[in-house]
C-alpha atoms as a PDB file:
ATOM      1  CA  MET A   1      -6.338  19.665  -7.853  1.00  0.00           C
ATOM      2  CA  VAL A   2      -3.259  18.970  -5.736  1.00  0.00           C
ATOM      3  CA  GLU A   3      -0.395  17.247  -7.516  1.00  0.00           C
ATOM      4  CA  ARG A   4       1.471  14.307  -6.050  1.00  0.00           C
ATOM      5  CA  THR A   5       4.872  15.095  -4.663  1.00  0.00           C
ATOM      6  CA  ASP A   6       7.902  13.011  -5.504  1.00  0.00           C
ATOM      7  CA  TRP A   7       7.786  11.567  -1.980  1.00  0.00           C
ATOM      8  CA  GLU A   8       4.165  10.531  -2.320  1.00  0.00           C
ATOM      9  CA  ALA A   9       4.930   8.914  -5.667  1.00  0.00           C
ATOM     10  CA  ARG A  10       7.882   7.045  -4.152  1.00  0.00           C
ATOM     11  CA  ALA A  11       5.759   5.766  -1.265  1.00  0.00           C
ATOM     12  CA  ALA A  12       2.984   4.602  -3.592  1.00  0.00           C
ATOM     13  CA  ASN A  13       5.451   2.978  -5.994  1.00  0.00           C
ATOM     14  CA  LEU A  14       7.221   1.204  -3.150  1.00  0.00           C
ATOM     15  CA  LEU A  15       3.977  -0.243  -1.827  1.00  0.00           C
ATOM     16  CA  LYS A  16       2.776  -1.222  -5.313  1.00  0.00           C
ATOM     17  CA  ALA A  17       6.128  -2.926  -5.990  1.00  0.00           C
ATOM     18  CA  GLU A  18       5.860  -4.944  -2.770  1.00  0.00           C
ATOM     19  CA  LEU A  19       2.331  -6.008  -3.684  1.00  0.00           C
ATOM     20  CA  LYS A  20       3.526  -7.118  -7.116  1.00  0.00           C
ATOM     21  CA  ARG A  21       6.555  -8.926  -5.642  1.00  0.00           C
ATOM     22  CA  LYS A  22       4.262 -10.847  -3.309  1.00  0.00           C
ATOM     23  CA  GLY A  23       1.681 -11.445  -6.065  1.00  0.00           C
ATOM     24  CA  VAL A  24      -1.074  -9.773  -4.029  1.00  0.00           C
ATOM     25  CA  THR A  25      -4.002  -8.037  -5.733  1.00  0.00           C
ATOM     26  CA  TYR A  26      -5.868  -5.113  -4.202  1.00  0.00           C
ATOM     27  CA  ALA A  27      -8.790  -7.426  -3.413  1.00  0.00           C
ATOM     28  CA  GLN A  28      -6.458  -9.845  -1.640  1.00  0.00           C
ATOM     29  CA  LEU A  29      -4.829  -6.962   0.210  1.00  0.00           C
ATOM     30  CA  VAL A  30      -8.225  -5.834   1.511  1.00  0.00           C
ATOM     31  CA  GLU A  31      -8.935  -9.376   2.681  1.00  0.00           C
ATOM     32  CA  ARG A  32      -5.557  -9.642   4.408  1.00  0.00           C
ATOM     33  CA  LEU A  33      -5.975  -6.229   6.018  1.00  0.00           C
ATOM     34  CA  GLY A  34      -9.299  -7.450   7.408  1.00  0.00           C
ATOM     35  CA  GLU A  35      -7.507 -10.441   8.925  1.00  0.00           C
ATOM     36  CA  ILE A  36      -5.332  -8.082  10.981  1.00  0.00           C
ATOM     37  CA  GLY A  37      -8.280  -5.912  12.001  1.00  0.00           C
ATOM     38  CA  VAL A  38      -8.022  -3.146   9.407  1.00  0.00           C
ATOM     39  CA  ASP A  39     -11.339  -2.416   7.709  1.00  0.00           C
ATOM     40  CA  GLU A  40     -10.812  -1.056   4.191  1.00  0.00           C
ATOM     41  CA  LYS A  41     -12.742  -1.220   0.951  1.00  0.00           C
ATOM     42  CA  GLU A  42     -10.990  -2.105  -2.291  1.00  0.00           C
ATOM     43  CA  VAL A  43     -11.979   1.174  -3.929  1.00  0.00           C
ATOM     44  CA  ASN A  44     -10.445   3.119  -1.027  1.00  0.00           C
ATOM     45  CA  VAL A  45      -7.191   1.171  -1.278  1.00  0.00           C
ATOM     46  CA  ARG A  46      -7.055   1.791  -5.040  1.00  0.00           C
ATOM     47  CA  ASN A  47      -7.615   5.512  -4.505  1.00  0.00           C
ATOM     48  CA  LYS A  48      -4.978   5.775  -1.782  1.00  0.00           C
ATOM     49  CA  LEU A  49      -2.377   4.060  -3.938  1.00  0.00           C
ATOM     50  CA  SER A  50      -3.245   5.957  -7.097  1.00  0.00           C
ATOM     51  CA  ARG A  51      -3.062   9.301  -5.277  1.00  0.00           C
ATOM     52  CA  GLY A  52      -0.107   8.383  -3.103  1.00  0.00           C
ATOM     53  CA  LYS A  53      -1.995   9.860  -0.152  1.00  0.00           C
ATOM     54  CA  PHE A  54      -1.833   7.524   2.809  1.00  0.00           C
ATOM     55  CA  THR A  55      -0.339   7.475   6.265  1.00  0.00           C
ATOM     56  CA  ALA A  56       2.808   5.686   7.324  1.00  0.00           C
ATOM     57  CA  ALA A  57       0.555   3.579   9.550  1.00  0.00           C
ATOM     58  CA  PHE A  58      -1.467   2.441   6.507  1.00  0.00           C
ATOM     59  CA  MET A  59       1.727   1.531   4.674  1.00  0.00           C
ATOM     60  CA  LEU A  60       2.945  -0.506   7.664  1.00  0.00           C
ATOM     61  CA  GLN A  61      -0.441  -2.219   7.909  1.00  0.00           C
ATOM     62  CA  CYS A  62      -0.268  -3.173   4.232  1.00  0.00           C
ATOM     63  CA  LEU A  63       3.309  -4.418   4.477  1.00  0.00           C
ATOM     64  CA  THR A  64       2.425  -6.460   7.552  1.00  0.00           C
ATOM     65  CA  ALA A  65      -0.704  -7.860   5.896  1.00  0.00           C
ATOM     66  CA  ILE A  66       1.251  -9.116   2.880  1.00  0.00           C
ATOM     67  CA  GLY A  67       4.064 -10.527   4.993  1.00  0.00           C
ATOM     68  CA  ALA A  68       6.792  -8.167   3.799  1.00  0.00           C
ATOM     69  CA  THR A  69       9.733  -8.341   6.170  1.00  0.00           C
ATOM     70  CA  ASP A  70      12.263  -6.312   4.182  1.00  0.00           C
ATOM     71  CA  VAL A  71      11.746  -3.227   2.055  1.00  0.00           C
ATOM     72  CA  ARG A  72      14.357  -1.857  -0.336  1.00  0.00           C
ATOM     73  CA  LEU A  73      14.639   1.901  -0.519  1.00  0.00           C
ATOM     74  CA  VAL A  74      16.454   2.626  -3.743  1.00  0.00           C
ATOM     75  CA  PRO A  75      16.539   6.159  -5.148  1.00  0.00           C
END
């Protein structure tokens, strides 16, 4: 089994933090992704975030879907 790198963990934590800040659940995220033309299932979103394995494009889609305009990158 491949372990998550620190960078993958940071990316997943950043996205999870933005979801929490916006008060968006995974189910709501899936619905909002659908509204912008991104077809995902809730289980797939959960797996991507728990593993930290997702593309930069997916992260941008999620941030767009939840209406995030600013993202803080703090070490």
